[in-house]
């Protein structure tokens, strides 16, 4: 599918061709903008916001979101097929993503329905006599959102949906690998009744142009999902007053106690470690298992991974699709080879199938300094290390510069609660995998993993201000 420019009054600066990460075939294109196009996008969004008489009332926003959910249902297969083609996530998982995205739009409606300020106590002393005070929610302003490739439907909904729900004009710049889904969703929002200028999907002709968009003084809120290196760099360059939220990644740890129910937990850990070729910010990456069961954990994980079909993401039987770029296959191959040279035991996998596909891989006892334990792997590679004392496992789990979601597996409530207290994480899953998420829960990276809190209701709140009104009347009394 080929998409034309979505920025009113701008001129195209060329086209970006989009290819399949699986087989390299052409799957579509989008027109791109240069600095002048970015300026037009910002002018359009600013014009929408600056005229308060032009703001979209709550009932109209609800109506638009309702229609959007219907349009997504009507275009279900088209959206799924396009996302599979450009992003490479297996179709079975992309359908789940699509269902989540539609539910996310409905969640945005619920956010509007429950949106309210609150009363501030007055008449408590002579200074506050004769007064009543309350707060009122208003949109924060122009939102610029930069998104990642790995969930090209749902991540876009997580950024555009709350912006529209809160009443903010939004400019969305998707990942260069997967722009088609964002352009399609922006088109559907227009069909749902969103006026021109309120949602503009853009692809830029260079990183410098993208940076100019993000750091412009007209931007009131910056939403970023993607690489920590890029996210933190852009945050450091934001214009004074621009608020932001950053969602990066991590090296998610799982601590498995000796009493764990392995029959129950291992299929969950295998799915969460290998699904979408491990290209999920909270994928299971580092497992710390009690020494009496550690090898069994590694061997079971390897067997489950070996039974997963690797291949064409459009095939309904495929479990593991391609890595997004061939250079990622090269990187993972190098990291796994390094870990083995440093002393890790290769339990399964460890080889590329071709330039796009890599085997599900389990490494046993990689060294603490190995890249596969210290950095975000973002590939179908899981490390299993043994421990004797629980505190040692927690210390190892915490020995990285990331803090996102973690997990502990135990039948003992005290063990689970001890790990919950001591693991460095914004969320700890108990007897579950690290990649669990529903879109209305808080989703927050700490330390180098991010800034601010994601999740649709939380993003919705971040994209608003709470304005205070203080009314003085002698009729109120002291």
Protein backbone atom coordinates (compact mmCIF):
# COMPACT_ATOMS: atom_id res chain seq x y z
CA UNK A 1 0.00 0.00 0.00
CA UNK A 2 1.33 3.44 -0.95
CA UNK A 3 0.43 6.48 1.17
CA UNK A 4 0.49 10.11 0.15
CA UNK A 5 1.49 13.07 2.31
CA UNK A 6 -0.74 13.66 5.34
CA UNK A 7 0.47 17.19 6.13
CA UNK A 8 -1.87 19.86 4.73
CA UNK A 9 -0.06 22.61 2.76
CA UNK A 10 3.24 20.68 2.69
CA UNK A 11 5.13 19.43 -0.36
CA UNK A 12 6.50 15.91 -0.63
CA UNK A 13 10.26 15.55 -0.26
CA UNK A 14 10.31 12.07 -1.77
CA UNK A 15 9.21 8.57 -0.93
CA UNK A 16 10.28 5.95 1.60
CA UNK A 17 10.01 2.41 0.26
CA UNK A 18 8.98 -0.21 2.82
CA UNK A 19 10.16 -3.81 2.46
CA UNK A 20 9.36 -7.04 4.26
CA UNK A 21 11.96 -8.02 6.88
CA UNK A 22 11.21 -11.66 6.02
CA UNK A 23 11.89 -11.79 2.28
CA UNK A 24 12.76 -8.24 1.24
CA UNK A 25 9.78 -7.78 -1.06
CA UNK A 26 8.30 -4.32 -1.55
CA UNK A 27 5.17 -3.90 0.59
CA UNK A 28 4.42 -0.20 0.23
CA UNK A 29 5.69 3.35 0.50
CA UNK A 30 5.00 6.65 2.23
CA UNK A 31 5.80 10.18 1.17
CA UNK A 32 8.33 11.98 3.35
CA UNK A 33 8.76 15.55 4.53
CA UNK A 34 11.78 17.84 4.90
CA UNK A 35 12.27 20.73 7.33
CA UNK A 36 9.67 22.81 5.52
CA UNK A 37 7.19 19.94 5.79
CA UNK A 38 7.86 19.60 9.52
CA UNK A 39 7.19 23.32 9.92
CA UNK A 40 3.85 22.94 8.12
CA UNK A 41 2.90 20.01 10.35
CA UNK A 42 3.65 22.04 13.47
CA UNK A 43 1.79 25.07 12.11
CA UNK A 44 -1.26 22.91 11.40
CA UNK A 45 -1.23 21.34 14.86
CA UNK A 46 -0.61 24.66 16.60
CA UNK A 47 -3.45 26.31 14.69
CA UNK A 48 -5.79 23.55 15.90
CA UNK A 49 -4.79 24.04 19.51
CA UNK A 50 -4.32 27.79 19.78
CA UNK A 51 -7.94 28.57 18.93
CA UNK A 52 -9.74 27.35 22.04
CA UNK A 53 -13.07 27.83 20.29
CA UNK A 54 -11.84 25.12 17.90
CA UNK A 55 -11.18 22.52 20.59
CA UNK A 56 -13.01 19.24 20.20
CA UNK A 57 -15.66 18.81 22.93
CA UNK A 58 -15.79 15.56 24.84
CA UNK A 59 -18.89 14.23 23.10
CA UNK A 60 -17.31 14.76 19.70
CA UNK A 61 -14.09 13.02 20.76
CA UNK A 62 -16.13 10.06 22.06
CA UNK A 63 -18.00 9.91 18.76
CA UNK A 64 -14.77 9.92 16.74
CA UNK A 65 -13.25 7.16 18.87
CA UNK A 66 -16.41 5.07 18.63
CA UNK A 67 -16.36 5.33 14.84
CA UNK A 68 -12.64 4.56 14.84
CA UNK A 69 -13.23 1.30 16.70
CA UNK A 70 -15.87 0.35 14.13
CA UNK A 71 -13.57 1.23 11.21
CA UNK A 72 -10.77 -0.86 12.72
CA UNK A 73 -13.13 -3.83 12.97
CA UNK A 74 -14.24 -3.31 9.35
CA UNK A 75 -10.62 -3.08 8.17
CA UNK A 76 -9.36 -5.79 10.54
CA UNK A 77 -7.72 -8.12 8.02
CA UNK A 78 -6.29 -5.28 5.96
CA UNK A 79 -4.56 -3.77 8.99
CA UNK A 80 -3.28 -7.14 10.20
CA UNK A 81 -1.93 -8.16 6.80
CA UNK A 82 -0.13 -4.85 6.37
CA UNK A 83 1.43 -5.00 9.85
CA UNK A 84 2.62 -8.58 9.28
CA UNK A 85 4.14 -7.61 5.93
CA UNK A 86 6.05 -4.58 7.18
CA UNK A 87 6.95 -5.69 10.72
CA UNK A 88 7.35 -9.46 10.54
CA UNK A 89 5.43 -10.33 13.68
CA UNK A 90 3.67 -13.69 13.12
CA UNK A 91 0.05 -13.32 12.09
CA UNK A 92 -1.28 -15.18 15.13
CA UNK A 93 0.36 -12.60 17.42
CA UNK A 94 -0.53 -9.67 15.17
CA UNK A 95 -4.20 -10.60 15.48
CA UNK A 96 -3.82 -10.42 19.25
CA UNK A 97 -2.16 -7.03 18.85
CA UNK A 98 -5.04 -5.87 16.67
CA UNK A 99 -7.62 -6.96 19.24
CA UNK A 100 -5.70 -5.07 21.91
CA UNK A 101 -5.57 -1.96 19.74
CA UNK A 102 -9.33 -1.93 19.19
CA UNK A 103 -9.87 -2.41 22.92
CA UNK A 104 -7.40 0.44 23.49
CA UNK A 105 -9.58 2.80 21.48
CA UNK A 106 -12.54 1.80 23.66
CA UNK A 107 -10.37 2.36 26.72
CA UNK A 108 -9.74 5.91 25.52
CA UNK A 109 -13.52 6.50 25.54
CA UNK A 110 -13.67 5.25 29.13
CA UNK A 111 -10.90 7.70 30.03
CA UNK A 112 -12.96 10.61 28.72
CA UNK A 113 -16.05 9.44 30.61
CA UNK A 114 -14.15 9.36 33.91
CA UNK A 115 -12.14 12.53 33.34
CA UNK A 116 -12.64 15.12 36.07
CA UNK A 117 -10.85 17.51 38.34
CA UNK A 118 -11.46 17.75 42.06
CA UNK A 119 -12.30 20.24 44.78
CA UNK A 120 -9.52 21.90 46.77
CA UNK A 121 -10.54 22.56 50.40
CA UNK A 122 -11.11 26.21 51.23
CA UNK A 123 -12.62 28.17 54.14
CA UNK A 124 -10.24 26.44 56.52
CA UNK A 125 -8.67 29.64 57.87
CA UNK A 126 -9.10 33.42 57.51
CA UNK A 127 -6.95 33.49 54.36
CA UNK A 128 -9.23 31.05 52.53
CA UNK A 129 -12.54 32.47 53.77
CA UNK A 130 -15.32 33.17 51.25
CA UNK A 131 -13.74 30.94 48.61
CA UNK A 132 -14.41 27.71 46.75
CA UNK A 133 -11.77 26.07 44.54
CA UNK A 134 -11.80 23.27 42.02
CA UNK A 135 -9.66 21.92 39.20
CA UNK A 136 -10.58 21.31 35.59
CA UNK A 137 -8.76 19.10 33.06
CA UNK A 138 -7.56 20.62 29.78
CA UNK A 139 -5.36 19.28 26.95
CA UNK A 140 -1.68 20.03 27.37
CA UNK A 141 -1.14 21.11 23.76
CA UNK A 142 0.60 19.83 20.66
CA UNK A 143 1.82 16.23 21.00
CA UNK A 144 4.69 14.84 18.94
CA UNK A 145 4.95 11.06 19.16
CA UNK A 146 7.84 8.94 17.89
CA UNK A 147 7.09 5.23 17.79
CA UNK A 148 8.85 1.86 17.53
CA UNK A 149 8.64 -0.92 14.96
CA UNK A 150 7.75 -3.93 17.08
CA UNK A 151 4.02 -3.32 17.64
CA UNK A 152 3.11 -1.10 14.69
CA UNK A 153 -0.64 -1.15 15.40
CA UNK A 154 -0.93 -1.08 19.17
CA UNK A 155 1.90 1.34 19.91
CA UNK A 156 0.40 3.85 17.49
CA UNK A 157 -2.95 3.50 19.24
CA UNK A 158 -1.20 4.02 22.60
CA UNK A 159 0.16 7.35 21.39
CA UNK A 160 -2.53 8.72 19.05
CA UNK A 161 -5.54 7.44 21.03
CA UNK A 162 -4.82 9.21 24.35
CA UNK A 163 -3.83 12.40 22.50
CA UNK A 164 -7.15 12.56 20.66
CA UNK A 165 -9.07 11.52 23.79
CA UNK A 166 -7.44 14.29 25.82
CA UNK A 167 -8.07 16.87 23.09
CA UNK A 168 -4.51 17.30 21.83
CA UNK A 169 -3.50 17.63 18.18
CA UNK A 170 -0.90 14.92 17.48
CA UNK A 171 1.93 14.47 15.00
CA UNK A 172 3.03 10.82 14.84
CA UNK A 173 6.37 9.76 13.39
CA UNK A 174 6.44 5.95 13.17
CA UNK A 175 9.55 3.82 12.84
CA UNK A 176 11.07 3.93 9.37
CA UNK A 177 10.76 0.12 9.15
CA UNK A 178 7.01 0.11 9.84
CA UNK A 179 5.36 3.40 8.80
CA UNK A 180 2.45 1.91 6.84
CA UNK A 181 0.32 0.98 9.85
CA UNK A 182 0.57 4.48 11.31
CA UNK A 183 -0.43 6.11 8.02
CA UNK A 184 -3.37 3.74 7.65
CA UNK A 185 -4.57 4.38 11.21
CA UNK A 186 -4.24 8.15 10.73
CA UNK A 187 -6.33 7.83 7.55
CA UNK A 188 -8.99 5.89 9.46
CA UNK A 189 -9.12 8.58 12.15
CA UNK A 190 -9.94 11.11 9.44
CA UNK A 191 -12.66 8.80 8.13
CA UNK A 192 -13.97 8.61 11.70
CA UNK A 193 -14.51 12.38 11.66
CA UNK A 194 -11.29 13.80 13.11
CA UNK A 195 -10.82 17.25 11.51
CA UNK A 196 -7.83 18.04 9.33
CA UNK A 197 -4.66 18.89 11.21
CA UNK A 198 -5.56 17.03 14.40
CA UNK A 199 -3.63 13.87 13.50
CA UNK A 200 -0.74 13.99 11.03
CA UNK A 201 1.46 10.98 10.30
CA UNK A 202 4.87 12.04 9.03
CA UNK A 203 8.07 10.38 7.90
CA UNK A 204 11.11 12.65 7.73
CA UNK A 205 13.89 12.76 5.17
CA UNK A 206 16.61 12.48 7.83
CA UNK A 207 17.28 12.05 11.53
CA UNK A 208 18.15 15.74 11.68
CA UNK A 209 14.69 16.65 10.39
CA UNK A 210 13.09 14.30 12.93
CA UNK A 211 15.09 15.93 15.71
CA UNK A 212 13.97 19.38 14.53
CA UNK A 213 10.36 18.21 14.80
CA UNK A 214 10.77 16.84 18.30
CA UNK A 215 12.77 19.74 19.73
CA UNK A 216 10.68 22.59 18.29
CA UNK A 217 9.38 25.06 20.86
CA UNK A 218 5.81 24.53 19.61
CA UNK A 219 5.83 20.98 20.99
CA UNK A 220 4.08 20.71 24.37
CA UNK A 221 4.41 16.96 24.94
CA UNK A 222 6.86 14.45 23.48
CA UNK A 223 5.99 10.74 23.54
CA UNK A 224 8.80 8.36 22.62
CA UNK A 225 8.87 4.57 22.29
CA UNK A 226 12.14 3.07 21.10
CA UNK A 227 15.89 2.99 21.63
CA UNK A 228 17.19 4.27 24.97
CA UNK A 229 20.17 5.90 23.30
CA UNK A 230 17.95 7.96 20.99
CA UNK A 231 15.25 8.64 23.59
CA UNK A 232 17.56 10.04 26.23
CA UNK A 233 19.42 12.10 23.62
CA UNK A 234 16.18 13.67 22.37
CA UNK A 235 15.01 14.38 25.93
CA UNK A 236 18.22 16.32 26.54
CA UNK A 237 17.45 18.54 23.55
CA UNK A 238 13.76 19.27 24.18
CA UNK A 239 12.63 22.88 24.17
CA UNK A 240 12.14 24.48 27.60
CA UNK A 241 8.71 23.55 28.92
CA UNK A 242 8.16 20.46 26.76
CA UNK A 243 7.03 17.56 28.91
CA UNK A 244 7.79 14.02 27.85
CA UNK A 245 7.41 10.30 28.40
CA UNK A 246 10.03 7.78 27.28
CA UNK A 247 9.51 4.05 26.92
CA UNK A 248 12.68 2.09 26.23
CA UNK A 249 13.60 -1.50 26.98
CA UNK A 250 15.36 -3.70 29.46
CA UNK A 251 16.81 -7.12 30.16
CA UNK A 252 13.86 -8.64 31.95
CA UNK A 253 14.77 -11.06 34.80
CA UNK A 254 12.85 -14.06 36.12
CA UNK A 255 13.73 -15.63 39.47
CA UNK A 256 12.58 -19.26 39.75
CA UNK A 257 12.50 -20.81 43.22
CA UNK A 258 13.11 -24.51 43.84
CA UNK A 259 9.42 -25.09 44.60
CA UNK A 260 8.21 -23.60 41.29
CA UNK A 261 5.60 -25.43 39.21
CA UNK A 262 7.67 -25.87 36.05
CA UNK A 263 4.88 -27.58 34.15
CA UNK A 264 2.81 -24.43 34.58
CA UNK A 265 5.42 -21.72 34.06
CA UNK A 266 7.77 -23.04 31.38
CA UNK A 267 5.38 -22.66 28.38
CA UNK A 268 4.71 -19.08 29.48
CA UNK A 269 8.42 -18.28 29.75
CA UNK A 270 9.15 -19.85 26.37
CA UNK A 271 6.41 -17.82 24.70
CA UNK A 272 7.52 -14.60 26.39
CA UNK A 273 11.16 -15.20 25.52
CA UNK A 274 10.82 -16.17 21.88
CA UNK A 275 7.62 -14.53 20.61
CA UNK A 276 8.13 -11.88 17.91
CA UNK A 277 11.72 -13.17 17.79
CA UNK A 278 12.29 -11.67 21.24
CA UNK A 279 11.73 -8.14 19.93
CA UNK A 280 9.65 -6.98 22.89
CA UNK A 281 10.87 -4.50 25.50
CA UNK A 282 9.92 -6.80 28.40
CA UNK A 283 10.74 -10.18 26.80
CA UNK A 284 12.03 -12.84 29.16
CA UNK A 285 15.81 -12.51 28.77
CA UNK A 286 17.54 -13.57 32.00
CA UNK A 287 16.31 -16.50 34.09
CA UNK A 288 17.85 -17.18 37.51
CA UNK A 289 16.80 -20.66 38.65
CA UNK A 290 17.63 -22.50 41.87
CA UNK A 291 20.70 -24.69 41.29
CA UNK A 292 18.74 -27.91 41.86
CA UNK A 293 16.43 -27.17 38.92
CA UNK A 294 18.46 -24.76 36.75
CA UNK A 295 19.58 -27.27 34.13
CA UNK A 296 16.08 -28.72 33.91
CA UNK A 297 14.75 -25.19 33.34
CA UNK A 298 17.28 -24.61 30.55
CA UNK A 299 16.60 -27.95 28.87
CA UNK A 300 12.82 -27.56 29.07
CA UNK A 301 13.08 -24.06 27.65
CA UNK A 302 15.26 -25.33 24.82
CA UNK A 303 12.81 -28.11 23.99
CA UNK A 304 9.88 -25.70 23.91
CA UNK A 305 11.85 -23.32 21.70
CA UNK A 306 12.92 -26.10 19.35
CA UNK A 307 9.27 -27.03 18.87
CA UNK A 308 8.39 -23.52 17.72
CA UNK A 309 8.16 -23.00 13.97
CA UNK A 310 10.46 -20.31 12.60
CA UNK A 311 9.63 -18.78 9.25
CA UNK A 312 7.11 -16.81 7.22
CA UNK A 313 5.16 -14.49 9.56
CA UNK A 314 2.11 -14.70 7.28
CA UNK A 315 1.88 -18.47 7.92
CA UNK A 316 -0.65 -19.16 10.69
CA UNK A 317 1.64 -21.92 12.04
CA UNK A 318 4.69 -19.67 12.47
CA UNK A 319 5.71 -18.93 16.06
CA UNK A 320 8.92 -16.98 15.43
CA UNK A 321 9.31 -14.58 12.54
CA UNK A 322 12.23 -12.49 11.28
CA UNK A 323 14.39 -9.97 13.02
CA UNK A 324 13.53 -6.50 11.78
CA UNK A 325 16.86 -5.91 9.99
CA UNK A 326 19.65 -8.16 8.74
CA UNK A 327 22.22 -6.28 10.81
CA UNK A 328 20.30 -7.39 13.91
CA UNK A 329 20.86 -11.00 12.89
CA UNK A 330 24.58 -10.23 12.56
CA UNK A 331 24.62 -8.58 16.00
CA UNK A 332 22.88 -11.46 17.75
CA UNK A 333 25.11 -14.03 16.11
CA UNK A 334 28.13 -12.10 17.38
CA UNK A 335 26.75 -11.72 20.92
CA UNK A 336 25.88 -15.42 21.24
CA UNK A 337 29.28 -16.49 19.88
CA UNK A 338 30.98 -14.16 22.36
CA UNK A 339 28.98 -15.58 25.26
CA UNK A 340 29.99 -19.14 24.30
CA UNK A 341 33.63 -18.13 23.96
CA UNK A 342 33.40 -16.58 27.43
CA UNK A 343 32.19 -19.88 28.91
CA UNK A 344 28.43 -20.13 28.39
CA UNK A 345 27.02 -23.51 27.42
CA UNK A 346 24.90 -23.48 24.28
CA UNK A 347 21.86 -25.61 25.12
CA UNK A 348 19.98 -24.95 21.89
CA UNK A 349 20.01 -22.77 18.79
CA UNK A 350 22.85 -20.35 18.39
CA UNK A 351 22.77 -20.17 14.60
CA UNK A 352 21.15 -18.06 11.94
CA UNK A 353 18.76 -19.78 9.57
CA UNK A 354 19.27 -17.04 7.01
CA UNK A 355 19.85 -13.29 7.04
CA UNK A 356 16.37 -12.67 8.47
CA UNK A 357 15.77 -15.63 10.79
CA UNK A 358 17.60 -16.76 13.91
CA UNK A 359 17.03 -19.94 15.89
CA UNK A 360 15.46 -19.84 19.34
CA UNK A 361 18.51 -19.97 21.60
CA UNK A 362 19.13 -20.95 25.22
CA UNK A 363 22.43 -20.18 26.92
CA UNK A 364 23.32 -21.83 30.24
CA UNK A 365 25.52 -20.04 32.77
CA UNK A 366 26.70 -17.09 30.64
CA UNK A 367 29.13 -14.86 32.52
CA UNK A 368 27.77 -11.79 34.29
CA UNK A 369 29.81 -9.44 32.08
CA UNK A 370 28.55 -11.00 28.83
CA UNK A 371 26.54 -8.72 26.53
CA UNK A 372 23.64 -11.19 26.60
CA UNK A 373 23.30 -10.58 30.33
CA UNK A 374 24.18 -6.90 30.52
CA UNK A 375 22.42 -5.43 27.50
CA UNK A 376 18.99 -5.74 25.95
CA UNK A 377 19.20 -8.69 23.55
CA UNK A 378 15.98 -7.97 21.58
CA UNK A 379 16.22 -11.36 19.88
CA UNK A 380 15.07 -14.96 20.54
CA UNK A 381 17.86 -15.56 23.07
CA UNK A 382 17.30 -16.47 26.74
CA UNK A 383 19.99 -16.88 29.40
CA UNK A 384 19.60 -19.32 32.30
CA UNK A 385 21.86 -19.03 35.35
CA UNK A 386 21.79 -20.99 38.58
CA UNK A 387 21.77 -19.63 42.12
CA UNK A 388 22.01 -21.05 45.62
CA UNK A 389 20.71 -18.21 47.79
CA UNK A 390 17.72 -16.08 46.81
CA UNK A 391 19.60 -12.88 47.61
CA UNK A 392 22.27 -13.85 45.08
CA UNK A 393 19.62 -14.28 42.38
CA UNK A 394 18.09 -10.92 43.18
CA UNK A 395 21.51 -9.26 43.21
CA UNK A 396 22.25 -10.69 39.75
CA UNK A 397 18.80 -9.70 38.47
CA UNK A 398 19.41 -6.14 39.63
CA UNK A 399 22.97 -5.90 38.27
CA UNK A 400 22.01 -4.07 35.05
CA UNK A 401 21.30 -0.40 34.28
CA UNK A 402 17.65 -1.19 33.45
CA UNK A 403 14.54 -1.50 35.56
CA UNK A 404 11.26 -2.46 33.91
CA UNK A 405 9.16 -5.59 34.45
CA UNK A 406 10.47 -8.63 36.33
CA UNK A 407 9.02 -11.93 37.55
CA UNK A 408 9.32 -14.42 40.40
CA UNK A 409 8.05 -18.00 40.34
CA UNK A 410 7.32 -19.73 43.65
CA UNK A 411 4.52 -21.48 45.55
CA UNK A 412 5.70 -19.77 48.75
CA UNK A 413 4.03 -16.40 49.38
CA UNK A 414 6.94 -15.21 51.52
CA UNK A 415 9.46 -15.98 48.78
CA UNK A 416 7.30 -14.16 46.25
CA UNK A 417 6.81 -11.13 48.46
CA UNK A 418 10.50 -10.98 49.35
CA UNK A 419 11.40 -10.93 45.65
CA UNK A 420 8.67 -8.37 44.98
CA UNK A 421 10.21 -6.08 47.57
CA UNK A 422 13.85 -6.47 46.52
CA UNK A 423 13.76 -6.73 42.72
CA UNK A 424 14.50 -3.48 40.90
CA UNK A 425 11.40 -3.20 38.74
CA UNK A 426 8.35 -1.05 38.17
CA UNK A 427 6.24 -4.22 38.07
CA UNK A 428 6.86 -7.73 39.37
CA UNK A 429 4.83 -10.60 37.95
CA UNK A 430 4.28 -13.43 40.42
CA UNK A 431 4.00 -16.89 38.84
CA UNK A 432 3.77 -15.26 35.44
CA UNK A 433 6.10 -14.07 32.68
CA UNK A 434 7.70 -10.63 32.41
CA UNK A 435 5.92 -9.71 29.17
CA UNK A 436 2.43 -9.74 30.70
CA UNK A 437 0.54 -6.55 30.01
CA UNK A 438 -2.95 -5.23 29.70
CA UNK A 439 -3.24 -1.77 28.23
CA UNK A 440 -5.01 -0.09 31.16
CA UNK A 441 -2.30 -0.94 33.69
CA UNK A 442 0.72 1.30 34.39
CA UNK A 443 3.71 0.43 32.20
CA UNK A 444 6.83 2.25 33.30
CA UNK A 445 10.53 1.90 32.69
CA UNK A 446 12.81 3.08 35.50
CA UNK A 447 16.52 3.90 35.47
CA UNK A 448 17.68 3.68 31.83
CA UNK A 449 14.47 1.89 30.81
CA UNK A 450 12.37 5.02 30.55
CA UNK A 451 10.75 8.09 32.03
CA UNK A 452 7.12 8.63 32.98
CA UNK A 453 4.31 6.11 33.03
CA UNK A 454 2.68 4.49 30.00
CA UNK A 455 -0.60 2.65 29.73
CA UNK A 456 -3.57 4.32 28.07
CA UNK A 457 -5.19 5.97 31.15
CA UNK A 458 -1.80 7.15 32.41
CA UNK A 459 -0.76 8.59 29.05
CA UNK A 460 -4.18 10.24 28.82
CA UNK A 461 -3.55 11.99 32.14
CA UNK A 462 -0.01 12.98 31.14
CA UNK A 463 -1.38 14.73 28.06
CA UNK A 464 -3.53 17.07 30.16
CA UNK A 465 -3.07 19.86 32.64
CA UNK A 466 -5.18 20.38 35.73
CA UNK A 467 -6.22 24.04 35.80
CA UNK A 468 -7.27 25.53 39.14
CA UNK A 469 -10.23 27.89 39.54
CA UNK A 470 -10.64 29.85 42.80
CA UNK A 471 -13.97 31.65 43.21
CA UNK A 472 -14.47 34.28 45.91
CA UNK A 473 -17.97 35.14 47.13
CA UNK A 474 -19.07 36.57 50.46
CA UNK A 475 -22.15 34.35 50.12
CA UNK A 476 -19.91 31.37 50.84
CA UNK A 477 -19.03 32.61 54.30
CA UNK A 478 -15.95 31.81 56.32
